[in-house]
Structure formats: structure tokens, C-alpha cells
C-alpha atoms as a PDB file:
ATOM      1  CA  UNK A   1      83.968  32.823  76.223  1.00  0.00           C
ATOM      2  CA  UNK A   2      80.899  30.493  75.968  1.00  0.00           C
ATOM      3  CA  UNK A   3      79.276  32.514  73.317  1.00  0.00           C
ATOM      4  CA  UNK A   4      82.296  32.165  70.782  1.00  0.00           C
ATOM      5  CA  UNK A   5      82.865  28.430  71.323  1.00  0.00           C
ATOM      6  CA  UNK A   6      79.272  27.334  70.912  1.00  0.00           C
ATOM      7  CA  UNK A   7      78.994  27.577  67.249  1.00  0.00           C
ATOM      8  CA  UNK A   8      82.010  25.527  66.625  1.00  0.00           C
ATOM      9  CA  UNK A   9      80.224  22.123  66.917  1.00  0.00           C
ATOM     10  CA  UNK A  10      77.434  23.215  64.527  1.00  0.00           C
ATOM     11  CA  UNK A  11      80.145  24.546  61.998  1.00  0.00           C
ATOM     12  CA  UNK A  12      81.990  21.206  62.202  1.00  0.00           C
ATOM     13  CA  UNK A  13      78.923  19.216  61.697  1.00  0.00           C
ATOM     14  CA  UNK A  14      78.092  21.390  58.671  1.00  0.00           C
ATOM     15  CA  UNK A  15      81.320  21.041  57.123  1.00  0.00           C
ATOM     16  CA  UNK A  16      81.386  17.133  57.725  1.00  0.00           C
ATOM     17  CA  UNK A  17      77.794  17.017  56.068  1.00  0.00           C
ATOM     18  CA  UNK A  18      79.118  19.185  52.982  1.00  0.00           C
ATOM     19  CA  UNK A  19      82.098  17.033  52.384  1.00  0.00           C
ATOM     20  CA  UNK A  20      80.059  13.998  52.612  1.00  0.00           C
ATOM     21  CA  UNK A  21      77.628  15.401  49.968  1.00  0.00           C
ATOM     22  CA  UNK A  22      80.607  16.367  47.897  1.00  0.00           C
ATOM     23  CA  UNK A  23      82.062  12.980  48.159  1.00  0.00           C
ATOM     24  CA  UNK A  24      78.592  11.070  47.480  1.00  0.00           C
ATOM     25  CA  UNK A  25      78.228  13.378  44.631  1.00  0.00           C
ATOM     26  CA  UNK A  26      81.718  12.393  43.159  1.00  0.00           C
ATOM     27  CA  UNK A  27      81.039   8.712  43.564  1.00  0.00           C
ATOM     28  CA  UNK A  28      77.719   9.105  41.885  1.00  0.00           C
ATOM     29  CA  UNK A  29      79.510  10.828  38.955  1.00  0.00           C
ATOM     30  CA  UNK A  30      81.963   8.029  38.910  1.00  0.00           C
ATOM     31  CA  UNK A  31      79.133   5.239  39.013  1.00  0.00           C
ATOM     32  CA  UNK A  32      77.423   7.102  36.019  1.00  0.00           C
ATOM     33  CA  UNK A  33      80.573   7.654  33.842  1.00  0.00           C
ATOM     34  CA  UNK A  34      79.745   6.683  30.293  1.00  0.00           C
ATOM     35  CA  UNK A  35      80.954   3.548  28.653  1.00  0.00           C
ATOM     36  CA  UNK A  36      83.222   3.912  25.731  1.00  0.00           C
ATOM     37  CA  UNK A  37      84.222   1.138  23.751  1.00  0.00           C
ATOM     38  CA  UNK A  38      87.521   0.843  22.173  1.00  0.00           C
ATOM     39  CA  UNK A  39      87.886   0.974  18.381  1.00  0.00           C
ATOM     40  CA  UNK A  40      87.453  -2.636  16.549  1.00  0.00           C
ATOM     41  CA  UNK A  41      90.616  -4.419  16.847  1.00  0.00           C
ATOM     42  CA  UNK A  42      91.006  -5.537  13.040  1.00  0.00           C
ATOM     43  CA  UNK A  43      93.745  -8.109  13.770  1.00  0.00           C
ATOM     44  CA  UNK A  44      91.619 -10.005  16.255  1.00  0.00           C
ATOM     45  CA  UNK A  45      88.439  -9.861  14.099  1.00  0.00           C
ATOM     46  CA  UNK A  46      90.109 -11.210  10.960  1.00  0.00           C
ATOM     47  CA  UNK A  47      91.910 -13.936  12.900  1.00  0.00           C
ATOM     48  CA  UNK A  48      88.505 -15.085  14.762  1.00  0.00           C
ATOM     49  CA  UNK A  49      86.950 -15.330  11.300  1.00  0.00           C
ATOM     50  CA  UNK A  50      89.216 -18.145  10.662  1.00  0.00           C
ATOM     51  CA  UNK A  51      87.647 -20.486  13.240  1.00  0.00           C
ATOM     52  CA  UNK A  52      85.897 -23.111  11.097  1.00  0.00           C
ATOM     53  CA  UNK A  53      82.531 -23.837  12.759  1.00  0.00           C
ATOM     54  CA  UNK A  54      81.452 -26.665  10.383  1.00  0.00           C
ATOM     55  CA  UNK A  55      80.379 -29.678  12.125  1.00  0.00           C
ATOM     56  CA  UNK A  56      79.430 -27.548  15.369  1.00  0.00           C
ATOM     57  CA  UNK A  57      77.569 -29.987  17.568  1.00  0.00           C
ATOM     58  CA  UNK A  58      74.145 -28.654  18.915  1.00  0.00           C
ATOM     59  CA  UNK A  59      73.762 -26.866  22.130  1.00  0.00           C
ATOM     60  CA  UNK A  60      72.871 -28.873  25.178  1.00  0.00           C
ATOM     61  CA  UNK A  61      71.862 -27.622  28.670  1.00  0.00           C
ATOM     62  CA  UNK A  62      72.381 -28.926  32.381  1.00  0.00           C
ATOM     63  CA  UNK A  63      71.034 -27.016  35.413  1.00  0.00           C
ATOM     64  CA  UNK A  64      73.211 -25.238  37.878  1.00  0.00           C
ATOM     65  CA  UNK A  65      72.347 -25.336  41.550  1.00  0.00           C
ATOM     66  CA  UNK A  66      70.362 -22.051  41.298  1.00  0.00           C
ATOM     67  CA  UNK A  67      68.273 -23.483  38.497  1.00  0.00           C
ATOM     68  CA  UNK A  68      69.771 -21.533  35.751  1.00  0.00           C
ATOM     69  CA  UNK A  69      70.587 -23.526  32.490  1.00  0.00           C
ATOM     70  CA  UNK A  70      74.064 -23.724  31.385  1.00  0.00           C
ATOM     71  CA  UNK A  71      74.651 -24.251  27.671  1.00  0.00           C
ATOM     72  CA  UNK A  72      77.451 -26.476  26.477  1.00  0.00           C
ATOM     73  CA  UNK A  73      78.557 -28.394  23.295  1.00  0.00           C
ATOM     74  CA  UNK A  74      79.570 -32.288  23.578  1.00  0.00           C
ATOM     75  CA  UNK A  75      82.412 -33.834  21.631  1.00  0.00           C
ATOM     76  CA  UNK A  76      83.732 -37.258  21.594  1.00  0.00           C
ATOM     77  CA  UNK A  77      82.727 -40.823  22.892  1.00  0.00           C
ATOM     78  CA  UNK A  78      80.111 -40.663  25.529  1.00  0.00           C
ATOM     79  CA  UNK A  79      81.632 -43.376  27.507  1.00  0.00           C
ATOM     80  CA  UNK A  80      85.290 -42.111  27.417  1.00  0.00           C
ATOM     81  CA  UNK A  81      87.384 -42.233  30.627  1.00  0.00           C
ATOM     82  CA  UNK A  82      89.276 -39.071  29.777  1.00  0.00           C
ATOM     83  CA  UNK A  83      87.148 -36.015  29.836  1.00  0.00           C
ATOM     84  CA  UNK A  84      88.267 -32.323  29.201  1.00  0.00           C
ATOM     85  CA  UNK A  85      86.230 -29.116  29.833  1.00  0.00           C
ATOM     86  CA  UNK A  86      86.828 -26.342  27.515  1.00  0.00           C
ATOM     87  CA  UNK A  87      86.420 -22.566  28.540  1.00  0.00           C
ATOM     88  CA  UNK A  88      86.268 -20.057  25.904  1.00  0.00           C
ATOM     89  CA  UNK A  89      88.007 -16.390  25.935  1.00  0.00           C
ATOM     90  CA  UNK A  90      86.541 -13.091  26.680  1.00  0.00           C
ATOM     91  CA  UNK A  91      83.368 -11.986  24.664  1.00  0.00           C
ATOM     92  CA  UNK A  92      82.994 -15.504  23.121  1.00  0.00           C
ATOM     93  CA  UNK A  93      81.183 -18.726  23.741  1.00  0.00           C
ATOM     94  CA  UNK A  94      81.616 -22.516  23.290  1.00  0.00           C
ATOM     95  CA  UNK A  95      82.141 -21.829  19.593  1.00  0.00           C
ATOM     96  CA  UNK A  96      85.469 -20.342  20.330  1.00  0.00           C
ATOM     97  CA  UNK A  97      86.673 -23.953  21.190  1.00  0.00           C
ATOM     98  CA  UNK A  98      85.148 -25.956  18.466  1.00  0.00           C
ATOM     99  CA  UNK A  99      88.383 -26.876  16.733  1.00  0.00           C
ATOM    100  CA  UNK A 100      89.957 -28.000  20.049  1.00  0.00           C
ATOM    101  CA  UNK A 101      86.885 -30.080  20.875  1.00  0.00           C
ATOM    102  CA  UNK A 102      87.103 -31.897  17.491  1.00  0.00           C
ATOM    103  CA  UNK A 103      90.720 -32.614  17.859  1.00  0.00           C
ATOM    104  CA  UNK A 104      90.122 -34.098  21.508  1.00  0.00           C
ATOM    105  CA  UNK A 105      87.255 -36.044  20.096  1.00  0.00           C
ATOM    106  CA  UNK A 106      89.790 -37.502  17.292  1.00  0.00           C
ATOM    107  CA  UNK A 107      91.948 -38.529  20.202  1.00  0.00           C
ATOM    108  CA  UNK A 108      89.299 -40.454  22.156  1.00  0.00           C
ATOM    109  CA  UNK A 109      88.673 -37.669  24.598  1.00  0.00           C
ATOM    110  CA  UNK A 110      85.336 -36.727  25.716  1.00  0.00           C
ATOM    111  CA  UNK A 111      85.268 -32.951  25.581  1.00  0.00           C
ATOM    112  CA  UNK A 112      82.528 -30.325  26.818  1.00  0.00           C
ATOM    113  CA  UNK A 113      82.820 -26.711  25.475  1.00  0.00           C
ATOM    114  CA  UNK A 114      80.983 -24.333  27.736  1.00  0.00           C
ATOM    115  CA  UNK A 115      79.106 -21.269  27.388  1.00  0.00           C
ATOM    116  CA  UNK A 116      80.154 -19.633  30.629  1.00  0.00           C
ATOM    117  CA  UNK A 117      77.528 -17.869  32.309  1.00  0.00           C
ATOM    118  CA  UNK A 118      76.945 -14.271  31.038  1.00  0.00           C
ATOM    119  CA  UNK A 119      78.061 -15.439  27.478  1.00  0.00           C
ATOM    120  CA  UNK A 120      76.279 -17.148  24.535  1.00  0.00           C
ATOM    121  CA  UNK A 121      73.160 -19.248  25.767  1.00  0.00           C
ATOM    122  CA  UNK A 122      74.080 -19.333  29.281  1.00  0.00           C
ATOM    123  CA  UNK A 123      71.969 -16.772  30.969  1.00  0.00           C
ATOM    124  CA  UNK A 124      71.781 -12.979  30.201  1.00  0.00           C
ATOM    125  CA  UNK A 125      75.094 -11.823  28.282  1.00  0.00           C
ATOM    126  CA  UNK A 126      77.333  -9.573  30.043  1.00  0.00           C
ATOM    127  CA  UNK A 127      76.355 -10.298  33.697  1.00  0.00           C
ATOM    128  CA  UNK A 128      76.284 -12.947  36.436  1.00  0.00           C
ATOM    129  CA  UNK A 129      74.063 -12.914  39.754  1.00  0.00           C
ATOM    130  CA  UNK A 130      77.163 -12.384  42.110  1.00  0.00           C
ATOM    131  CA  UNK A 131      80.904 -12.194  42.203  1.00  0.00           C
ATOM    132  CA  UNK A 132      82.297 -16.003  42.167  1.00  0.00           C
ATOM    133  CA  UNK A 133      79.144 -17.280  40.435  1.00  0.00           C
ATOM    134  CA  UNK A 134      81.414 -19.132  37.807  1.00  0.00           C
ATOM    135  CA  UNK A 135      83.191 -20.918  40.652  1.00  0.00           C
ATOM    136  CA  UNK A 136      79.896 -22.468  41.530  1.00  0.00           C
ATOM    137  CA  UNK A 137      78.844 -23.098  38.049  1.00  0.00           C
ATOM    138  CA  UNK A 138      82.232 -25.047  37.393  1.00  0.00           C
ATOM    139  CA  UNK A 139      81.558 -27.161  40.354  1.00  0.00           C
ATOM    140  CA  UNK A 140      78.145 -27.918  39.066  1.00  0.00           C
ATOM    141  CA  UNK A 141      79.683 -28.972  35.647  1.00  0.00           C
ATOM    142  CA  UNK A 142      82.212 -31.303  37.325  1.00  0.00           C
ATOM    143  CA  UNK A 143      79.260 -32.980  39.303  1.00  0.00           C
ATOM    144  CA  UNK A 144      77.288 -33.473  36.019  1.00  0.00           C
ATOM    145  CA  UNK A 145      80.378 -34.895  34.191  1.00  0.00           C
ATOM    146  CA  UNK A 146      81.174 -37.194  36.925  1.00  0.00           C
ATOM    147  CA  UNK A 147      77.752 -38.680  36.762  1.00  0.00           C
ATOM    148  CA  UNK A 148      78.027 -39.107  33.226  1.00  0.00           C
ATOM    149  CA  UNK A 149      81.650 -40.323  33.108  1.00  0.00           C
ATOM    150  CA  UNK A 150      82.200 -42.064  36.843  1.00  0.00           C
ATOM    151  CA  UNK A 151      85.832 -42.554  37.452  1.00  0.00           C
ATOM    152  CA  UNK A 152      86.946 -40.640  34.453  1.00  0.00           C
ATOM    153  CA  UNK A 153      90.170 -38.452  34.632  1.00  0.00           C
ATOM    154  CA  UNK A 154      89.212 -34.754  34.090  1.00  0.00           C
ATOM    155  CA  UNK A 155      91.001 -31.819  32.758  1.00  0.00           C
ATOM    156  CA  UNK A 156      90.276 -28.197  32.277  1.00  0.00           C
ATOM    157  CA  UNK A 157      91.463 -26.195  29.156  1.00  0.00           C
ATOM    158  CA  UNK A 158      90.872 -22.693  29.019  1.00  0.00           C
ATOM    159  CA  UNK A 159      91.732 -19.978  26.499  1.00  0.00           C
ATOM    160  CA  UNK A 160      92.748 -16.324  27.127  1.00  0.00           C
ATOM    161  CA  UNK A 161      90.296 -15.086  29.773  1.00  0.00           C
ATOM    162  CA  UNK A 162      89.165 -18.717  30.027  1.00  0.00           C
ATOM    163  CA  UNK A 163      92.734 -19.661  30.650  1.00  0.00           C
ATOM    164  CA  UNK A 164      92.828 -16.909  33.492  1.00  0.00           C
ATOM    165  CA  UNK A 165      89.475 -18.642  34.797  1.00  0.00           C
ATOM    166  CA  UNK A 166      91.328 -21.840  34.658  1.00  0.00           C
ATOM    167  CA  UNK A 167      94.082 -20.626  36.789  1.00  0.00           C
ATOM    168  CA  UNK A 168      91.540 -19.246  39.246  1.00  0.00           C
ATOM    169  CA  UNK A 169      90.029 -22.833  39.456  1.00  0.00           C
ATOM    170  CA  UNK A 170      93.286 -24.564  39.871  1.00  0.00           C
ATOM    171  CA  UNK A 171      94.636 -22.387  42.653  1.00  0.00           C
ATOM    172  CA  UNK A 172      91.094 -21.933  44.192  1.00  0.00           C
ATOM    173  CA  UNK A 173      88.469 -23.970  46.170  1.00  0.00           C
ATOM    174  CA  UNK A 174      87.817 -26.183  43.171  1.00  0.00           C
ATOM    175  CA  UNK A 175      91.494 -26.996  42.526  1.00  0.00           C
ATOM    176  CA  UNK A 176      91.291 -30.604  43.185  1.00  0.00           C
ATOM    177  CA  UNK A 177      88.166 -31.344  41.176  1.00  0.00           C
ATOM    178  CA  UNK A 178      90.388 -31.724  38.040  1.00  0.00           C
ATOM    179  CA  UNK A 179      93.316 -33.847  37.489  1.00  0.00           C
ATOM    180  CA  UNK A 180      95.083 -31.593  35.090  1.00  0.00           C
ATOM    181  CA  UNK A 181      95.161 -27.848  33.861  1.00  0.00           C
ATOM    182  CA  UNK A 182      95.707 -26.341  30.521  1.00  0.00           C
ATOM    183  CA  UNK A 183      95.993 -22.705  30.327  1.00  0.00           C
ATOM    184  CA  UNK A 184      96.231 -21.523  26.698  1.00  0.00           C
ATOM    185  CA  UNK A 185      97.543 -17.881  26.333  1.00  0.00           C
ATOM    186  CA  UNK A 186      96.019 -17.078  29.775  1.00  0.00           C
ATOM    187  CA  UNK A 187      95.076 -13.557  30.955  1.00  0.00           C
ATOM    188  CA  UNK A 188      96.687 -13.274  34.604  1.00  0.00           C
ATOM    189  CA  UNK A 189      96.296  -9.705  35.726  1.00  0.00           C
ATOM    190  CA  UNK A 190      96.245  -6.376  34.035  1.00  0.00           C
ATOM    191  CA  UNK A 191      99.373  -5.476  36.371  1.00  0.00           C
ATOM    192  CA  UNK A 192     101.374  -8.726  35.496  1.00  0.00           C
ATOM    193  CA  UNK A 193     104.581  -8.772  33.510  1.00  0.00           C
ATOM    194  CA  UNK A 194     102.757 -10.770  30.758  1.00  0.00           C
ATOM    195  CA  UNK A 195     100.114  -7.636  30.137  1.00  0.00           C
ATOM    196  CA  UNK A 196     100.100  -5.173  27.475  1.00  0.00           C
ATOM    197  CA  UNK A 197      98.509  -1.939  27.755  1.00  0.00           C
ATOM    198  CA  UNK A 198      94.580  -2.268  27.414  1.00  0.00           C
ATOM    199  CA  UNK A 199      95.242  -5.972  26.530  1.00  0.00           C
ATOM    200  CA  UNK A 200      96.879  -4.809  23.099  1.00  0.00           C
ATOM    201  CA  UNK A 201      93.777  -2.575  22.653  1.00  0.00           C
ATOM    202  CA  UNK A 202      91.350  -5.550  23.044  1.00  0.00           C
ATOM    203  CA  UNK A 203      89.941  -4.206  26.159  1.00  0.00           C
ATOM    204  CA  UNK A 204      88.927  -0.758  27.619  1.00  0.00           C
ATOM    205  CA  UNK A 205      87.986  -0.096  31.247  1.00  0.00           C
ATOM    206  CA  UNK A 206      85.513   2.456  32.506  1.00  0.00           C
ATOM    207  CA  UNK A 207      88.059   3.297  35.333  1.00  0.00           C
ATOM    208  CA  UNK A 208      86.064   5.816  37.223  1.00  0.00           C
ATOM    209  CA  UNK A 209      83.183   3.395  37.320  1.00  0.00           C
ATOM    210  CA  UNK A 210      85.414   0.415  38.237  1.00  0.00           C
ATOM    211  CA  UNK A 211      86.871   2.504  41.051  1.00  0.00           C
ATOM    212  CA  UNK A 212      83.671   3.582  42.346  1.00  0.00           C
ATOM    213  CA  UNK A 213      82.122   0.285  42.346  1.00  0.00           C
ATOM    214  CA  UNK A 214      85.229  -1.275  44.108  1.00  0.00           C
ATOM    215  CA  UNK A 215      84.536   1.285  46.780  1.00  0.00           C
ATOM    216  CA  UNK A 216      80.934   0.566  47.079  1.00  0.00           C
ATOM    217  CA  UNK A 217      81.749  -3.244  47.271  1.00  0.00           C
ATOM    218  CA  UNK A 218      84.265  -2.820  49.970  1.00  0.00           C
ATOM    219  CA  UNK A 219      81.473  -0.724  51.814  1.00  0.00           C
ATOM    220  CA  UNK A 220      79.173  -3.731  51.406  1.00  0.00           C
ATOM    221  CA  UNK A 221      76.842  -1.959  48.734  1.00  0.00           C
ATOM    222  CA  UNK A 222      76.487  -4.390  45.935  1.00  0.00           C
ATOM    223  CA  UNK A 223      73.491  -2.847  44.198  1.00  0.00           C
ATOM    224  CA  UNK A 224      75.582  -1.401  41.264  1.00  0.00           C
ATOM    225  CA  UNK A 225      77.481  -4.562  40.335  1.00  0.00           C
ATOM    226  CA  UNK A 226      75.353  -5.375  37.219  1.00  0.00           C
ATOM    227  CA  UNK A 227      76.837  -2.101  35.654  1.00  0.00           C
ATOM    228  CA  UNK A 228      79.226  -2.656  32.795  1.00  0.00           C
ATOM    229  CA  UNK A 229      82.940  -1.664  33.610  1.00  0.00           C
ATOM    230  CA  UNK A 230      84.732  -3.664  30.580  1.00  0.00           C
ATOM    231  CA  UNK A 231      84.180  -3.123  26.858  1.00  0.00           C
ATOM    232  CA  UNK A 232      85.781  -5.248  24.097  1.00  0.00           C
ATOM    233  CA  UNK A 233      87.035  -3.953  20.790  1.00  0.00           C
ATOM    234  CA  UNK A 234      84.291  -5.447  18.598  1.00  0.00           C
ATOM    235  CA  UNK A 235      82.522  -4.190  15.611  1.00  0.00           C
ATOM    236  CA  UNK A 236      78.840  -3.006  16.272  1.00  0.00           C
ATOM    237  CA  UNK A 237      77.503  -6.080  14.316  1.00  0.00           C
ATOM    238  CA  UNK A 238      79.188  -8.463  16.626  1.00  0.00           C
ATOM    239  CA  UNK A 239      76.591  -7.596  19.489  1.00  0.00           C
ATOM    240  CA  UNK A 240      74.190 -10.306  18.052  1.00  0.00           C
ATOM    241  CA  UNK A 241      76.820 -12.972  18.397  1.00  0.00           C
ATOM    242  CA  UNK A 242      79.426 -11.780  21.115  1.00  0.00           C
ATOM    243  CA  UNK A 243      79.165 -10.543  24.556  1.00  0.00           C
ATOM    244  CA  UNK A 244      80.332  -6.916  24.006  1.00  0.00           C
ATOM    245  CA  UNK A 245      80.559  -5.660  27.691  1.00  0.00           C
ATOM    246  CA  UNK A 246      81.380  -7.156  31.248  1.00  0.00           C
ATOM    247  CA  UNK A 247      79.746  -6.096  34.329  1.00  0.00           C
ATOM    248  CA  UNK A 248      81.623  -5.466  37.458  1.00  0.00           C
ATOM    249  CA  UNK A 249      80.398  -8.926  38.708  1.00  0.00           C
ATOM    250  CA  UNK A 250      81.428 -10.913  35.733  1.00  0.00           C
ATOM    251  CA  UNK A 251      84.854  -9.352  35.253  1.00  0.00           C
ATOM    252  CA  UNK A 252      85.661 -10.074  38.767  1.00  0.00           C
ATOM    253  CA  UNK A 253      84.462 -13.527  38.365  1.00  0.00           C
ATOM    254  CA  UNK A 254      85.995 -14.575  35.008  1.00  0.00           C
ATOM    255  CA  UNK A 255      89.688 -14.037  35.675  1.00  0.00           C
ATOM    256  CA  UNK A 256      92.258 -15.035  38.306  1.00  0.00           C
ATOM    257  CA  UNK A 257      91.897 -13.999  41.993  1.00  0.00           C
ATOM    258  CA  UNK A 258      93.391 -10.634  42.544  1.00  0.00           C
ATOM    259  CA  UNK A 259      96.532 -12.380  44.085  1.00  0.00           C
ATOM    260  CA  UNK A 260      97.018 -14.111  40.752  1.00  0.00           C
ATOM    261  CA  UNK A 261     100.435 -15.425  41.969  1.00  0.00           C
ATOM    262  CA  UNK A 262      98.779 -16.720  45.009  1.00  0.00           C
ATOM    263  CA  UNK A 263      96.747 -18.856  42.619  1.00  0.00           C
ATOM    264  CA  UNK A 264      99.791 -20.012  40.974  1.00  0.00           C
ATOM    265  CA  UNK A 265     101.244 -21.090  44.250  1.00  0.00           C
ATOM    266  CA  UNK A 266      98.183 -22.780  45.348  1.00  0.00           C
ATOM    267  CA  UNK A 267      98.045 -25.136  42.335  1.00  0.00           C
ATOM    268  CA  UNK A 268      97.708 -28.790  43.308  1.00  0.00           C
ATOM    269  CA  UNK A 269      97.520 -30.767  39.948  1.00  0.00           C
ATOM    270  CA  UNK A 270     100.065 -30.824  36.949  1.00  0.00           C
ATOM    271  CA  UNK A 271      99.455 -27.590  34.964  1.00  0.00           C
ATOM    272  CA  UNK A 272     100.552 -26.439  31.642  1.00  0.00           C
ATOM    273  CA  UNK A 273     100.647 -22.775  30.061  1.00  0.00           C
ATOM    274  CA  UNK A 274     100.788 -22.879  26.267  1.00  0.00           C
ATOM    275  CA  UNK A 275     101.314 -19.292  24.399  1.00  0.00           C
ATOM    276  CA  UNK A 276     102.220 -18.257  20.820  1.00  0.00           C
ATOM    277  CA  UNK A 277     105.403 -16.507  20.568  1.00  0.00           C
ATOM    278  CA  UNK A 278     103.780 -13.767  18.608  1.00  0.00           C
ATOM    279  CA  UNK A 279     100.788 -13.156  20.874  1.00  0.00           C
ATOM    280  CA  UNK A 280      99.328  -9.637  20.227  1.00  0.00           C
ATOM    281  CA  UNK A 281      97.501  -9.234  23.671  1.00  0.00           C
ATOM    282  CA  UNK A 282     100.029 -10.653  26.026  1.00  0.00           C
ATOM    283  CA  UNK A 283     103.805 -10.674  26.459  1.00  0.00           C
ATOM    284  CA  UNK A 284     104.609 -14.269  25.518  1.00  0.00           C
ATOM    285  CA  UNK A 285     108.018 -14.350  26.785  1.00  0.00           C
ATOM    286  CA  UNK A 286     107.195 -13.228  30.223  1.00  0.00           C
ATOM    287  CA  UNK A 287     105.122 -16.250  31.417  1.00  0.00           C
ATOM    288  CA  UNK A 288     107.916 -18.675  31.943  1.00  0.00           C
ATOM    289  CA  UNK A 289     110.176 -16.404  34.093  1.00  0.00           C
ATOM    290  CA  UNK A 290     107.237 -15.353  36.174  1.00  0.00           C
ATOM    291  CA  UNK A 291     105.363 -18.679  36.751  1.00  0.00           C
ATOM    292  CA  UNK A 292     107.821 -21.534  36.440  1.00  0.00           C
ATOM    293  CA  UNK A 293     110.160 -20.433  39.598  1.00  0.00           C
ATOM    294  CA  UNK A 294     107.090 -20.208  42.077  1.00  0.00           C
ATOM    295  CA  UNK A 295     105.281 -23.310  40.863  1.00  0.00           C
ATOM    296  CA  UNK A 296     107.201 -26.711  40.107  1.00  0.00           C
ATOM    297  CA  UNK A 297     103.972 -28.229  38.803  1.00  0.00           C
ATOM    298  CA  UNK A 298     103.474 -25.888  36.193  1.00  0.00           C
ATOM    299  CA  UNK A 299     105.476 -25.738  32.928  1.00  0.00           C
ATOM    300  CA  UNK A 300     105.423 -23.131  30.187  1.00  0.00           C
ATOM    301  CA  UNK A 301     105.438 -24.104  26.320  1.00  0.00           C
ATOM    302  CA  UNK A 302     106.043 -21.314  23.950  1.00  0.00           C
ATOM    303  CA  UNK A 303     105.079 -21.921  20.279  1.00  0.00           C
ATOM    304  CA  UNK A 304     107.105 -20.022  17.562  1.00  0.00           C
ATOM    305  CA  UNK A 305     105.421 -17.908  14.999  1.00  0.00           C
ATOM    306  CA  UNK A 306     101.694 -18.026  16.725  1.00  0.00           C
ATOM    307  CA  UNK A 307      99.562 -15.349  17.603  1.00  0.00           C
ATOM    308  CA  UNK A 308      96.757 -15.021  19.886  1.00  0.00           C
ATOM    309  CA  UNK A 309      93.702 -16.564  18.063  1.00  0.00           C
ATOM    310  CA  UNK A 310      96.104 -18.924  16.368  1.00  0.00           C
ATOM    311  CA  UNK A 311      96.148 -20.984  19.327  1.00  0.00           C
ATOM    312  CA  UNK A 312      92.378 -22.372  18.590  1.00  0.00           C
ATOM    313  CA  UNK A 313      92.921 -22.218  15.119  1.00  0.00           C
ATOM    314  CA  UNK A 314      96.426 -23.534  13.990  1.00  0.00           C
ATOM    315  CA  UNK A 315      96.887 -27.501  13.969  1.00  0.00           C
ATOM    316  CA  UNK A 316     100.188 -27.134  15.603  1.00  0.00           C
ATOM    317  CA  UNK A 317      98.816 -25.283  18.527  1.00  0.00           C
ATOM    318  CA  UNK A 318      95.735 -27.506  18.786  1.00  0.00           C
ATOM    319  CA  UNK A 319      98.025 -30.572  18.580  1.00  0.00           C
ATOM    320  CA  UNK A 320      99.925 -29.073  21.661  1.00  0.00           C
ATOM    321  CA  UNK A 321      96.809 -28.561  23.608  1.00  0.00           C
ATOM    322  CA  UNK A 322      95.684 -32.190  23.147  1.00  0.00           C
ATOM    323  CA  UNK A 323      98.992 -33.554  24.034  1.00  0.00           C
ATOM    324  CA  UNK A 324      99.079 -31.438  27.245  1.00  0.00           C
ATOM    325  CA  UNK A 325      95.482 -32.615  28.239  1.00  0.00           C
ATOM    326  CA  UNK A 326      96.289 -35.809  29.732  1.00  0.00           C
END
């Protein structure tokens, strides 16, 4: 009897080792899964060309707590007691918010359009050092602006993915650093009722890699967080000016938290969502019934006849943003 049972344990160990090796091989294959950018989205590219950058202020820099240089553009009176922080959309930089900055300046509001880290002139494009890095950065930006404008009222205005990050800020640990929040056509979550498949063709997710990195992250393995998992529908020539891909770390940082409705419920300051009724990337009609019932501080404004990029181009949209800012 002993001679027949003795091999059982080695067999079990062998099976366990083989199973583990197979799982590791599958995980490695998922991590190495190649990126395949989506075809260029002509409607967004054409609309983006309408952003007039004449009169663009020069880039300036401030130092983040880790010593990194964060780039921004300043608009309006240096001594204003109303200050707005402007956050661009995915793949873009501070130029994306230029027309908004000019309009705020005309209204006597000091505006600071940021190159969020991982974009433009703020660090290597497409990545950040850690998940949550942008939360630290926005706190550092606010500290600098409070030094420049003591006692000023602060508003945060974000467009598209920047609108999603604005929601993350409003409902997160930095939520009381600003007095008011304006989310323009915000990206909420890929499973939200506002979402279209692949964000209307704008984004393609490397799903095998994203799943593998999520598993590794939950196991405490962060060594592969720099790998890209999102690609944007940009033409090849855009690489010189835009951020064409996001790493695992950046895509988790530049968006609401996973419980995005928890962010909405946690808002402690007045907030406005402004969206064009003809938005190509998100379902505009879904914002109000989703958000207003769970957050009385938040109001949704739907602008008829306007698409996604129109929100930072068209005078009617920009006027609505300025009105909501303070």
C-alpha cells in the first residue's frame, strides 16, 4: 500500500509546477501582447484643427514635490482674485484649452492651462512615475497658485479626460482645494451609461496587456506599469505634437477612480457638467439622469448642436464655461 501512495505527492507537486508555469507563460504573453493603434478618427482630427492657437502664451514651469518640472501657460491678470486651473483632454496639452484661457482672461479671471504630467512639456510623454502621480501634481499646482494669488477663489475646469480627472479631484482627497468644478464633456468610465464603444473610435485598449498588468498590480508587482495600454486614433504625423499612447500608470491616473459614482457622491463643492448634445465620443443625454439624482451639488447643462471638440472651440460653449467657472 505504501508503495502505491508514495508517488502521489511528487505527482501533485509536478502538476502544480506545470500549472504555474503555464499560467506564467500566459501572463507573459498577455503582457507582451502588441499594441495596435486604432485608425485615425477624421472627425476629431478635423475639429481639432479649428483650435486657433494665435496669441498662445509661452510655456512656464513650476517644480513638483519630486523635483519634476510641470509646464503651464498663464492667462489674464496676475493679481486676480479669481483663478481657474485648466486641464486638457486625452493625448493633448495646454494648447487644447487656449481659447478657454483667453475667454477667462477677458472676463478678468487668471487662468493657468496645464501640460499634465505625461503630456506636452511635462515629463516623458505617455507615462507617469506612479499611479496617482497627477493627484500629487494638482496639489502642488494649487499650492503655487495660492502663493501667487493669496485669498483667491479657485476653480478647476477640465475637458474630456481632463473632465474625468476633474471629477476624480472633486470627489477625492484634493476635493476641498478648489471652490468650484466644471467638467466639460467628461470621460466617466468605459462602462458608464455615457460611454460609447471604444469612446466612439477614439481609443483602443490593449485588453490582454491591461488585464495582465491589473493582475500583477494586485499581486504587488509594479515593474511593468510603464507599458502602454491605450492608443489614440491619431495619424502618424501627430506623434511630434501629441501623446499617442498612455501607460498603465497614466491611464489609471488621468481619469476618475474606478468607483466613479463614488467620486460623484463625494463631491463637496458646487460642480457643473457641460456637454454638447451632438458629442461623438460620449452619450450626452445620459449625463443628467446618471449624475444629478445622486449629487445635489452637481448640475448638468446640455448645449444643443455641439460636438466634442466644439466645446473648446465654439463661442457659445466657451461662454457657458466662463459663466460656470465662478
